[in-house]
Amino acid sequence: MFARLSLRAKIAAGPLIATCGFCALLALGLGLGGRSIQAITEIEGRHYPLVKLNRDLEGLLDNLQYKLRDAATTEDVGAVKAADLVRDQFLARLQRAREAQIVSEAEFLSLRMKFSRYYVLARSASLQLILTGFDEATVAIENIHSHLERGQPLARAVRDGVAETIVPRFLAMVCILAVFISAFFLQGSARALFVPLALAVGFSMVASYILSSTFVPVMSIWLLRGHAEAARQHAPILDRLRTGYAWLLAQVLRFRLPLVGAYLIASIAVIAGLGPRLGLDIFPVVGADQFRVRVRAADGTH
């Protein structure tokens, strides 16, 4: 039929056919684009709030980590209250996500339980470091005062007092640092939260040991000059406590070998019995490298 047309008709029909084909392709593209935009909008409406929730919770966990680390480093009990505020913000954000149906009820309960368990552990560890922290300078100064009470001159008391505590203070520091080595065996978010806290405590302990062995003796001679006689005065109750402790220690040291053997056997039994049962994760294990999209197609298209 197209071959029967005249040359003028063929020339006029060419642009018309091209225009019709372009319009058909444009309509098809607009239709597919509209469906794609609708699908993308549906995906964003369902999954973008979950991605935003993940970012918000990660930011709050990082902030919580910094608060607890600062509280342990500065040994300030009041700084733990700032971490309590961050905890309340985390739980409130999780509660809003549940109300908005971003997470299911089971996921909400699981996350809240895991976070509460982690926070109790981290907060108790920080408070224990603050309240029962080992201050090496205090040990050195107390031993200096002990030598002053025996009537030694100030310079000799400082030298002997610090020299006698160098090895015990070093062993105490190593024992405390050994407790935090377990933080490096954690996995996932727990490792990211506890390792900076362990490093902060470790560096502060090493700095305390170095300063108590170098800076404290010099300052003790300067500050205790003229106060040596006052330092030699002490309460009688301290003498009784010291005498009782010395007697108890002498009785225990008589059985040092059986005590060391019993301690080693009990430690090995506890490690062998409870070690394999201890978990390495605080938060639930999720497939962080997987992204699952659920799309419900229109009826008749599947």
C-alpha atoms as a PDB file:
ATOM      1  CA  MET A   1       0.000   0.000   0.000  1.00  0.00           C
ATOM      2  CA  PHE A   2       2.864   2.345   0.782  1.00  0.00           C
ATOM      3  CA  ALA A   3       4.372   1.555  -2.673  1.00  0.00           C
ATOM      4  CA  ARG A   4       1.233   2.838  -4.449  1.00  0.00           C
ATOM      5  CA  LEU A   5       1.548   6.291  -2.909  1.00  0.00           C
ATOM      6  CA  SER A   6       2.999   9.113  -4.911  1.00  0.00           C
ATOM      7  CA  LEU A   7       6.367  10.576  -4.134  1.00  0.00           C
ATOM      8  CA  ARG A   8       4.812  13.632  -2.494  1.00  0.00           C
ATOM      9  CA  ALA A   9       2.606  11.382  -0.278  1.00  0.00           C
ATOM     10  CA  LYS A  10       5.579   9.258   0.693  1.00  0.00           C
ATOM     11  CA  ILE A  11       7.548  12.323   1.697  1.00  0.00           C
ATOM     12  CA  ALA A  12       4.626  13.565   3.805  1.00  0.00           C
ATOM     13  CA  ALA A  13       3.946  10.150   5.392  1.00  0.00           C
ATOM     14  CA  GLY A  14       7.534   9.640   6.610  1.00  0.00           C
ATOM     15  CA  PRO A  15       7.497  12.306   9.333  1.00  0.00           C
ATOM     16  CA  LEU A  16       3.980  11.250  10.324  1.00  0.00           C
ATOM     17  CA  ILE A  17       5.077   7.635  10.860  1.00  0.00           C
ATOM     18  CA  ALA A  18       8.165   8.750  12.788  1.00  0.00           C
ATOM     19  CA  THR A  19       6.033  11.025  14.954  1.00  0.00           C
ATOM     20  CA  CYS A  20       3.622   8.204  15.714  1.00  0.00           C
ATOM     21  CA  GLY A  21       6.491   5.876  16.603  1.00  0.00           C
ATOM     22  CA  PHE A  22       8.057   8.538  18.844  1.00  0.00           C
ATOM     23  CA  CYS A  23       4.744   9.118  20.602  1.00  0.00           C
ATOM     24  CA  ALA A  24       4.300   5.385  21.158  1.00  0.00           C
ATOM     25  CA  LEU A  25       7.808   5.076  22.618  1.00  0.00           C
ATOM     26  CA  LEU A  26       7.246   8.183  24.760  1.00  0.00           C
ATOM     27  CA  ALA A  27       3.987   6.767  26.100  1.00  0.00           C
ATOM     28  CA  LEU A  28       5.662   3.453  26.836  1.00  0.00           C
ATOM     29  CA  GLY A  29       8.554   5.207  28.590  1.00  0.00           C
ATOM     30  CA  LEU A  30       6.227   7.359  30.657  1.00  0.00           C
ATOM     31  CA  GLY A  31       4.245   4.322  31.670  1.00  0.00           C
ATOM     32  CA  LEU A  32       7.314   2.355  32.694  1.00  0.00           C
ATOM     33  CA  GLY A  33       8.791   5.417  34.384  1.00  0.00           C
ATOM     34  CA  GLY A  34       5.618   5.985  36.351  1.00  0.00           C
ATOM     35  CA  ARG A  35       5.652   2.397  37.565  1.00  0.00           C
ATOM     36  CA  SER A  36       9.348   2.652  38.425  1.00  0.00           C
ATOM     37  CA  ILE A  37       8.806   5.863  40.364  1.00  0.00           C
ATOM     38  CA  GLN A  38       5.899   4.285  42.186  1.00  0.00           C
ATOM     39  CA  ALA A  39       8.019   1.244  43.070  1.00  0.00           C
ATOM     40  CA  ILE A  40      10.931   3.430  44.216  1.00  0.00           C
ATOM     41  CA  THR A  41       8.591   5.562  46.289  1.00  0.00           C
ATOM     42  CA  GLU A  42       7.163   2.445  47.896  1.00  0.00           C
ATOM     43  CA  ILE A  43      10.654   1.124  48.617  1.00  0.00           C
ATOM     44  CA  GLU A  44      11.728   4.440  50.131  1.00  0.00           C
ATOM     45  CA  GLY A  45       8.562   4.623  52.191  1.00  0.00           C
ATOM     46  CA  ARG A  46       9.136   1.168  53.615  1.00  0.00           C
ATOM     47  CA  HIS A  47      12.919   0.911  53.918  1.00  0.00           C
ATOM     48  CA  TYR A  48      14.320   4.439  54.208  1.00  0.00           C
ATOM     49  CA  PRO A  49      12.897   4.862  57.747  1.00  0.00           C
ATOM     50  CA  LEU A  50      14.703   1.647  58.693  1.00  0.00           C
ATOM     51  CA  VAL A  51      17.969   2.944  57.249  1.00  0.00           C
ATOM     52  CA  LYS A  52      17.516   6.264  59.076  1.00  0.00           C
ATOM     53  CA  LEU A  53      16.743   4.396  62.297  1.00  0.00           C
ATOM     54  CA  ASN A  54      19.948   2.412  61.906  1.00  0.00           C
ATOM     55  CA  ARG A  55      21.966   5.617  61.484  1.00  0.00           C
ATOM     56  CA  ASP A  56      20.324   7.280  64.483  1.00  0.00           C
ATOM     57  CA  LEU A  57      20.931   4.286  66.736  1.00  0.00           C
ATOM     58  CA  GLU A  58      24.561   4.006  65.628  1.00  0.00           C
ATOM     59  CA  GLY A  59      25.092   7.696  66.412  1.00  0.00           C
ATOM     60  CA  LEU A  60      23.553   7.316  69.864  1.00  0.00           C
ATOM     61  CA  LEU A  61      25.690   4.244  70.584  1.00  0.00           C
ATOM     62  CA  ASP A  62      28.841   6.137  69.587  1.00  0.00           C
ATOM     63  CA  ASN A  63      27.834   9.028  71.838  1.00  0.00           C
ATOM     64  CA  LEU A  64      27.153   6.591  74.686  1.00  0.00           C
ATOM     65  CA  GLN A  65      30.569   5.053  74.198  1.00  0.00           C
ATOM     66  CA  TYR A  66      32.288   8.446  74.430  1.00  0.00           C
ATOM     67  CA  LYS A  67      30.342   9.372  77.588  1.00  0.00           C
ATOM     68  CA  LEU A  68      31.286   6.172  79.401  1.00  0.00           C
ATOM     69  CA  ARG A  69      34.893   6.405  78.281  1.00  0.00           C
ATOM     70  CA  ASP A  70      35.169  10.007  79.483  1.00  0.00           C
ATOM     71  CA  ALA A  71      33.572   9.063  82.808  1.00  0.00           C
ATOM     72  CA  ALA A  72      36.084   6.242  83.342  1.00  0.00           C
ATOM     73  CA  THR A  73      39.040   8.379  82.261  1.00  0.00           C
ATOM     74  CA  THR A  74      38.180  11.406  84.404  1.00  0.00           C
ATOM     75  CA  GLU A  75      36.922   9.231  87.313  1.00  0.00           C
ATOM     76  CA  ASP A  76      33.834  11.417  87.587  1.00  0.00           C
ATOM     77  CA  VAL A  77      30.698   9.683  88.853  1.00  0.00           C
ATOM     78  CA  GLY A  78      28.571  12.633  87.733  1.00  0.00           C
ATOM     79  CA  ALA A  79      29.671  12.060  84.146  1.00  0.00           C
ATOM     80  CA  VAL A  80      27.798   8.745  84.152  1.00  0.00           C
ATOM     81  CA  LYS A  81      24.531  10.705  84.332  1.00  0.00           C
ATOM     82  CA  ALA A  82      25.267  12.055  80.860  1.00  0.00           C
ATOM     83  CA  ALA A  83      25.442   8.462  79.645  1.00  0.00           C
ATOM     84  CA  ASP A  84      22.087   7.796  81.323  1.00  0.00           C
ATOM     85  CA  LEU A  85      20.552  10.613  79.259  1.00  0.00           C
ATOM     86  CA  VAL A  86      21.923   9.069  76.059  1.00  0.00           C
ATOM     87  CA  ARG A  87      20.458   5.731  77.127  1.00  0.00           C
ATOM     88  CA  ASP A  88      17.040   7.349  77.542  1.00  0.00           C
ATOM     89  CA  GLN A  89      17.358   8.905  74.083  1.00  0.00           C
ATOM     90  CA  PHE A  90      18.221   5.516  72.582  1.00  0.00           C
ATOM     91  CA  LEU A  91      15.214   3.832  74.163  1.00  0.00           C
ATOM     92  CA  ALA A  92      12.927   6.716  73.201  1.00  0.00           C
ATOM     93  CA  ARG A  93      14.102   6.529  69.560  1.00  0.00           C
ATOM     94  CA  LEU A  94      13.498   2.800  69.554  1.00  0.00           C
ATOM     95  CA  GLN A  95      10.024   3.309  71.047  1.00  0.00           C
ATOM     96  CA  ARG A  96       9.106   5.824  68.321  1.00  0.00           C
ATOM     97  CA  ALA A  97      10.270   3.351  65.685  1.00  0.00           C
ATOM     98  CA  ARG A  98       7.966   0.716  67.101  1.00  0.00           C
ATOM     99  CA  GLU A  99       5.023   3.108  67.211  1.00  0.00           C
ATOM    100  CA  ALA A 100       5.692   4.037  63.570  1.00  0.00           C
ATOM    101  CA  GLN A 101       5.817   0.307  62.730  1.00  0.00           C
ATOM    102  CA  ILE A 102       9.351   0.614  61.397  1.00  0.00           C
ATOM    103  CA  VAL A 103      10.337  -2.413  63.476  1.00  0.00           C
ATOM    104  CA  SER A 104       8.136  -5.244  64.585  1.00  0.00           C
ATOM    105  CA  GLU A 105       7.212  -5.954  68.173  1.00  0.00           C
ATOM    106  CA  ALA A 106       9.597  -8.923  68.340  1.00  0.00           C
ATOM    107  CA  GLU A 107      12.493  -6.869  66.939  1.00  0.00           C
ATOM    108  CA  PHE A 108      11.748  -4.045  69.369  1.00  0.00           C
ATOM    109  CA  LEU A 109      11.757  -6.359  72.391  1.00  0.00           C
ATOM    110  CA  SER A 110      14.938  -8.086  71.247  1.00  0.00           C
ATOM    111  CA  LEU A 111      16.810  -4.829  70.659  1.00  0.00           C
ATOM    112  CA  ARG A 112      15.650  -3.327  73.936  1.00  0.00           C
ATOM    113  CA  MET A 113      16.660  -6.410  75.906  1.00  0.00           C
ATOM    114  CA  LYS A 114      20.090  -6.617  74.254  1.00  0.00           C
ATOM    115  CA  PHE A 115      20.757  -2.902  74.690  1.00  0.00           C
ATOM    116  CA  SER A 116      19.656  -2.907  78.323  1.00  0.00           C
ATOM    117  CA  ARG A 117      21.917  -5.861  79.041  1.00  0.00           C
ATOM    118  CA  TYR A 118      24.846  -4.144  77.352  1.00  0.00           C
ATOM    119  CA  TYR A 119      24.275  -0.837  79.125  1.00  0.00           C
ATOM    120  CA  VAL A 120      24.064  -2.430  82.570  1.00  0.00           C
ATOM    121  CA  LEU A 121      27.359  -4.201  81.905  1.00  0.00           C
ATOM    122  CA  ALA A 122      29.115  -1.121  80.518  1.00  0.00           C
ATOM    123  CA  ARG A 123      27.794   1.199  83.234  1.00  0.00           C
ATOM    124  CA  SER A 124      28.749  -1.167  86.055  1.00  0.00           C
ATOM    125  CA  ALA A 125      32.232  -1.572  84.578  1.00  0.00           C
ATOM    126  CA  SER A 126      32.683   2.207  84.365  1.00  0.00           C
ATOM    127  CA  LEU A 127      31.456   2.747  87.932  1.00  0.00           C
ATOM    128  CA  GLN A 128      33.700  -0.015  89.209  1.00  0.00           C
ATOM    129  CA  LEU A 129      36.684   1.632  87.548  1.00  0.00           C
ATOM    130  CA  ILE A 130      35.740   4.993  89.045  1.00  0.00           C
ATOM    131  CA  LEU A 131      34.927   3.851  92.574  1.00  0.00           C
ATOM    132  CA  THR A 132      37.579   1.168  92.988  1.00  0.00           C
ATOM    133  CA  GLY A 133      40.187   2.499  90.623  1.00  0.00           C
ATOM    134  CA  PHE A 134      43.799   1.722  91.468  1.00  0.00           C
ATOM    135  CA  ASP A 135      45.718   4.937  92.044  1.00  0.00           C
ATOM    136  CA  GLU A 136      49.429   4.182  92.002  1.00  0.00           C
ATOM    137  CA  ALA A 137      50.396   7.573  93.407  1.00  0.00           C
ATOM    138  CA  THR A 138      48.267   6.923  96.497  1.00  0.00           C
ATOM    139  CA  VAL A 139      50.093   3.657  97.186  1.00  0.00           C
ATOM    140  CA  ALA A 140      53.483   5.340  96.854  1.00  0.00           C
ATOM    141  CA  ILE A 141      52.520   8.245  99.118  1.00  0.00           C
ATOM    142  CA  GLU A 142      51.052   5.934 101.758  1.00  0.00           C
ATOM    143  CA  ASN A 143      54.276   3.938 101.838  1.00  0.00           C
ATOM    144  CA  ILE A 144      56.287   7.163 102.152  1.00  0.00           C
ATOM    145  CA  HIS A 145      54.205   8.069 105.196  1.00  0.00           C
ATOM    146  CA  SER A 146      54.836   4.612 106.638  1.00  0.00           C
ATOM    147  CA  HIS A 147      58.579   5.208 106.460  1.00  0.00           C
ATOM    148  CA  LEU A 148      58.186   8.662 107.992  1.00  0.00           C
ATOM    149  CA  GLU A 149      56.325   7.090 110.917  1.00  0.00           C
ATOM    150  CA  ARG A 150      59.380   4.903 111.547  1.00  0.00           C
ATOM    151  CA  GLY A 151      61.511   7.998 112.068  1.00  0.00           C
ATOM    152  CA  GLN A 152      63.417   8.028 108.787  1.00  0.00           C
ATOM    153  CA  PRO A 153      64.526  11.326 107.228  1.00  0.00           C
ATOM    154  CA  LEU A 154      62.299  12.717 104.497  1.00  0.00           C
ATOM    155  CA  ALA A 155      64.627  12.020 101.553  1.00  0.00           C
ATOM    156  CA  ARG A 156      65.350   8.443 102.635  1.00  0.00           C
ATOM    157  CA  ALA A 157      61.672   7.809 103.378  1.00  0.00           C
ATOM    158  CA  VAL A 158      60.716   8.963  99.886  1.00  0.00           C
ATOM    159  CA  ARG A 159      63.427   6.901  98.227  1.00  0.00           C
ATOM    160  CA  ASP A 160      62.689   3.702 100.175  1.00  0.00           C
ATOM    161  CA  GLY A 161      58.933   4.150 100.026  1.00  0.00           C
ATOM    162  CA  VAL A 162      58.876   4.475  96.250  1.00  0.00           C
ATOM    163  CA  ALA A 163      61.479   1.752  95.671  1.00  0.00           C
ATOM    164  CA  GLU A 164      59.539  -0.776  97.750  1.00  0.00           C
ATOM    165  CA  THR A 165      56.327  -0.256  95.762  1.00  0.00           C
ATOM    166  CA  ILE A 166      57.744  -0.278  92.220  1.00  0.00           C
ATOM    167  CA  VAL A 167      57.325  -4.025  91.669  1.00  0.00           C
ATOM    168  CA  PRO A 168      53.981  -4.408  93.532  1.00  0.00           C
ATOM    169  CA  ARG A 169      52.512  -1.425  91.690  1.00  0.00           C
ATOM    170  CA  PHE A 170      53.691  -2.838  88.370  1.00  0.00           C
ATOM    171  CA  LEU A 171      52.125  -6.238  89.098  1.00  0.00           C
ATOM    172  CA  ALA A 172      48.866  -4.592  90.176  1.00  0.00           C
ATOM    173  CA  MET A 173      48.824  -2.578  86.961  1.00  0.00           C
ATOM    174  CA  VAL A 174      49.407  -5.702  84.862  1.00  0.00           C
ATOM    175  CA  CYS A 175      46.592  -7.539  86.656  1.00  0.00           C
ATOM    176  CA  ILE A 176      44.157  -4.705  85.986  1.00  0.00           C
ATOM    177  CA  LEU A 177      45.190  -4.469  82.341  1.00  0.00           C
ATOM    178  CA  ALA A 178      44.759  -8.229  81.964  1.00  0.00           C
ATOM    179  CA  VAL A 179      41.067  -7.859  82.798  1.00  0.00           C
ATOM    180  CA  PHE A 180      40.535  -5.605  79.779  1.00  0.00           C
ATOM    181  CA  ILE A 181      42.296  -7.914  77.333  1.00  0.00           C
ATOM    182  CA  SER A 182      39.025  -9.819  76.963  1.00  0.00           C
ATOM    183  CA  ALA A 183      37.521  -6.753  75.247  1.00  0.00           C
ATOM    184  CA  PHE A 184      39.692  -7.463  72.195  1.00  0.00           C
ATOM    185  CA  PHE A 185      38.067 -10.888  71.789  1.00  0.00           C
ATOM    186  CA  LEU A 186      34.567  -9.450  71.445  1.00  0.00           C
ATOM    187  CA  GLN A 187      32.886  -9.233  68.059  1.00  0.00           C
ATOM    188  CA  GLY A 188      30.592  -6.818  66.279  1.00  0.00           C
ATOM    189  CA  SER A 189      29.294  -3.694  67.970  1.00  0.00           C
ATOM    190  CA  ALA A 190      30.469  -4.838  71.401  1.00  0.00           C
ATOM    191  CA  ARG A 191      34.078  -4.756  70.203  1.00  0.00           C
ATOM    192  CA  ALA A 192      33.658  -1.242  68.826  1.00  0.00           C
ATOM    193  CA  LEU A 193      32.169  -0.087  72.142  1.00  0.00           C
ATOM    194  CA  PHE A 194      34.452  -1.747  74.688  1.00  0.00           C
ATOM    195  CA  VAL A 195      37.862  -1.594  72.984  1.00  0.00           C
ATOM    196  CA  PRO A 196      38.165   2.247  73.205  1.00  0.00           C
ATOM    197  CA  LEU A 197      37.188   2.067  76.888  1.00  0.00           C
ATOM    198  CA  ALA A 198      39.826  -0.608  77.532  1.00  0.00           C
ATOM    199  CA  LEU A 199      42.481   1.423  75.688  1.00  0.00           C
ATOM    200  CA  ALA A 200      41.621   4.578  77.638  1.00  0.00           C
ATOM    201  CA  VAL A 201      41.945   2.754  80.959  1.00  0.00           C
ATOM    202  CA  GLY A 202      45.151   1.035  79.844  1.00  0.00           C
ATOM    203  CA  PHE A 203      46.917   4.228  78.795  1.00  0.00           C
ATOM    204  CA  SER A 204      45.796   6.014  81.968  1.00  0.00           C
ATOM    205  CA  MET A 205      47.157   3.157  84.117  1.00  0.00           C
ATOM    206  CA  VAL A 206      50.522   3.219  82.358  1.00  0.00           C
ATOM    207  CA  ALA A 207      50.724   6.998  82.719  1.00  0.00           C
ATOM    208  CA  SER A 208      49.818   6.708  86.410  1.00  0.00           C
ATOM    209  CA  TYR A 209      52.599   4.171  86.966  1.00  0.00           C
ATOM    210  CA  ILE A 210      55.210   6.326  85.232  1.00  0.00           C
ATOM    211  CA  LEU A 211      54.192   9.511  87.070  1.00  0.00           C
ATOM    212  CA  SER A 212      54.026   7.792  90.461  1.00  0.00           C
ATOM    213  CA  SER A 213      57.582   6.524  89.961  1.00  0.00           C
ATOM    214  CA  THR A 214      59.090   9.816  88.749  1.00  0.00           C
ATOM    215  CA  PHE A 215      56.966  12.888  89.437  1.00  0.00           C
ATOM    216  CA  VAL A 216      55.447  11.874  92.791  1.00  0.00           C
ATOM    217  CA  PRO A 217      58.796  11.365  94.634  1.00  0.00           C
ATOM    218  CA  VAL A 218      60.042  14.811  93.605  1.00  0.00           C
ATOM    219  CA  MET A 219      56.791  16.518  94.590  1.00  0.00           C
ATOM    220  CA  SER A 220      56.696  14.570  97.862  1.00  0.00           C
ATOM    221  CA  ILE A 221      60.058  15.993  98.922  1.00  0.00           C
ATOM    222  CA  TRP A 222      58.933  19.513  98.034  1.00  0.00           C
ATOM    223  CA  LEU A 223      55.478  19.344  99.617  1.00  0.00           C
ATOM    224  CA  LEU A 224      56.339  17.305 102.728  1.00  0.00           C
ATOM    225  CA  ARG A 225      59.294  19.470 103.641  1.00  0.00           C
ATOM    226  CA  GLY A 226      58.473  20.958 107.022  1.00  0.00           C
ATOM    227  CA  HIS A 227      55.553  18.550 107.527  1.00  0.00           C
ATOM    228  CA  ALA A 228      57.500  15.377 108.282  1.00  0.00           C
ATOM    229  CA  GLU A 229      56.722  15.533 112.007  1.00  0.00           C
ATOM    230  CA  ALA A 230      52.985  15.848 111.335  1.00  0.00           C
ATOM    231  CA  ALA A 231      53.179  12.891 108.958  1.00  0.00           C
ATOM    232  CA  ARG A 232      54.664  10.730 111.728  1.00  0.00           C
ATOM    233  CA  GLN A 233      51.530  11.153 113.864  1.00  0.00           C
ATOM    234  CA  HIS A 234      48.873   8.477 113.371  1.00  0.00           C
ATOM    235  CA  ALA A 235      45.894   7.014 115.169  1.00  0.00           C
ATOM    236  CA  PRO A 236      46.340   4.005 117.481  1.00  0.00           C
ATOM    237  CA  ILE A 237      43.576   2.130 115.651  1.00  0.00           C
ATOM    238  CA  LEU A 238      45.799   2.003 112.568  1.00  0.00           C
ATOM    239  CA  ASP A 239      48.480   0.237 114.601  1.00  0.00           C
ATOM    240  CA  ARG A 240      45.993  -2.399 115.702  1.00  0.00           C
ATOM    241  CA  LEU A 241      44.760  -2.908 112.156  1.00  0.00           C
ATOM    242  CA  ARG A 242      48.298  -3.182 110.856  1.00  0.00           C
ATOM    243  CA  THR A 243      49.222  -5.679 113.573  1.00  0.00           C
ATOM    244  CA  GLY A 244      46.144  -7.802 112.907  1.00  0.00           C
ATOM    245  CA  TYR A 245      46.739  -7.800 109.171  1.00  0.00           C
ATOM    246  CA  ALA A 246      50.396  -8.758 109.655  1.00  0.00           C
ATOM    247  CA  TRP A 247      49.371 -11.712 111.862  1.00  0.00           C
ATOM    248  CA  LEU A 248      46.750 -12.887 109.351  1.00  0.00           C
ATOM    249  CA  LEU A 249      49.198 -12.571 106.467  1.00  0.00           C
ATOM    250  CA  ALA A 250      51.815 -14.565 108.378  1.00  0.00           C
ATOM    251  CA  GLN A 251      49.310 -17.363 108.985  1.00  0.00           C
ATOM    252  CA  VAL A 252      48.276 -17.489 105.331  1.00  0.00           C
ATOM    253  CA  LEU A 253      51.857 -17.472 104.036  1.00  0.00           C
ATOM    254  CA  ARG A 254      52.539 -20.639 105.993  1.00  0.00           C
ATOM    255  CA  PHE A 255      50.335 -22.471 103.465  1.00  0.00           C
ATOM    256  CA  ARG A 256      51.439 -20.598 100.355  1.00  0.00           C
ATOM    257  CA  LEU A 257      52.055 -23.654  98.169  1.00  0.00           C
ATOM    258  CA  PRO A 258      48.668 -25.332  98.846  1.00  0.00           C
ATOM    259  CA  LEU A 259      46.915 -21.995  98.306  1.00  0.00           C
ATOM    260  CA  VAL A 260      48.661 -21.432  94.976  1.00  0.00           C
ATOM    261  CA  GLY A 261      47.821 -24.974  93.863  1.00  0.00           C
ATOM    262  CA  ALA A 262      44.182 -24.638  94.899  1.00  0.00           C
ATOM    263  CA  TYR A 263      43.919 -21.317  93.110  1.00  0.00           C
ATOM    264  CA  LEU A 264      45.369 -22.722  89.881  1.00  0.00           C
ATOM    265  CA  ILE A 265      43.074 -25.770  89.987  1.00  0.00           C
ATOM    266  CA  ALA A 266      39.994 -23.604  90.648  1.00  0.00           C
ATOM    267  CA  SER A 267      40.953 -21.172  87.869  1.00  0.00           C
ATOM    268  CA  ILE A 268      41.486 -23.940  85.320  1.00  0.00           C
ATOM    269  CA  ALA A 269      38.183 -25.565  86.320  1.00  0.00           C
ATOM    270  CA  VAL A 270      36.270 -22.301  85.948  1.00  0.00           C
ATOM    271  CA  ILE A 271      37.870 -21.523  82.585  1.00  0.00           C
ATOM    272  CA  ALA A 272      37.265 -25.036  81.242  1.00  0.00           C
ATOM    273  CA  GLY A 273      33.688 -25.164  82.529  1.00  0.00           C
ATOM    274  CA  LEU A 274      32.426 -21.675  81.768  1.00  0.00           C
ATOM    275  CA  GLY A 275      34.743 -20.591  78.957  1.00  0.00           C
ATOM    276  CA  PRO A 276      33.056 -22.500  76.096  1.00  0.00           C
ATOM    277  CA  ARG A 277      29.634 -21.280  77.265  1.00  0.00           C
ATOM    278  CA  LEU A 278      30.500 -17.604  77.239  1.00  0.00           C
ATOM    279  CA  GLY A 279      29.207 -15.708  74.234  1.00  0.00           C
ATOM    280  CA  LEU A 280      31.184 -13.217  72.185  1.00  0.00           C
ATOM    281  CA  ASP A 281      28.252 -11.079  71.009  1.00  0.00           C
ATOM    282  CA  ILE A 282      26.078  -8.712  73.018  1.00  0.00           C
ATOM    283  CA  PHE A 283      23.797  -7.631  70.187  1.00  0.00           C
ATOM    284  CA  PRO A 284      21.881 -10.106  67.989  1.00  0.00           C
ATOM    285  CA  VAL A 285      23.683 -11.314  64.885  1.00  0.00           C
ATOM    286  CA  VAL A 286      22.174  -9.880  61.715  1.00  0.00           C
ATOM    287  CA  GLY A 287      23.083 -10.093  58.049  1.00  0.00           C
ATOM    288  CA  ALA A 288      24.535  -6.603  57.704  1.00  0.00           C
ATOM    289  CA  ASP A 289      25.776  -7.377  54.166  1.00  0.00           C
ATOM    290  CA  GLN A 290      22.299  -8.301  52.916  1.00  0.00           C
ATOM    291  CA  PHE A 291      19.574  -5.934  51.788  1.00  0.00           C
ATOM    292  CA  ARG A 292      16.184  -7.533  51.252  1.00  0.00           C
ATOM    293  CA  VAL A 293      13.497  -5.663  49.329  1.00  0.00           C
ATOM    294  CA  ARG A 294       9.878  -6.754  49.319  1.00  0.00           C
ATOM    295  CA  VAL A 295       7.785  -5.496  46.413  1.00  0.00           C
ATOM    296  CA  ARG A 296       4.192  -6.489  45.790  1.00  0.00           C
ATOM    297  CA  ALA A 297       3.452  -6.348  42.068  1.00  0.00           C
ATOM    298  CA  ALA A 298       0.083  -5.450  40.642  1.00  0.00           C
ATOM    299  CA  ASP A 299      -2.467  -8.206  40.135  1.00  0.00           C
ATOM    300  CA  GLY A 300      -2.087 -10.034  36.822  1.00  0.00           C
ATOM    301  CA  THR A 301       1.590  -9.111  36.351  1.00  0.00           C
ATOM    302  CA  HIS A 302       3.128 -12.101  38.123  1.00  0.00           C
END
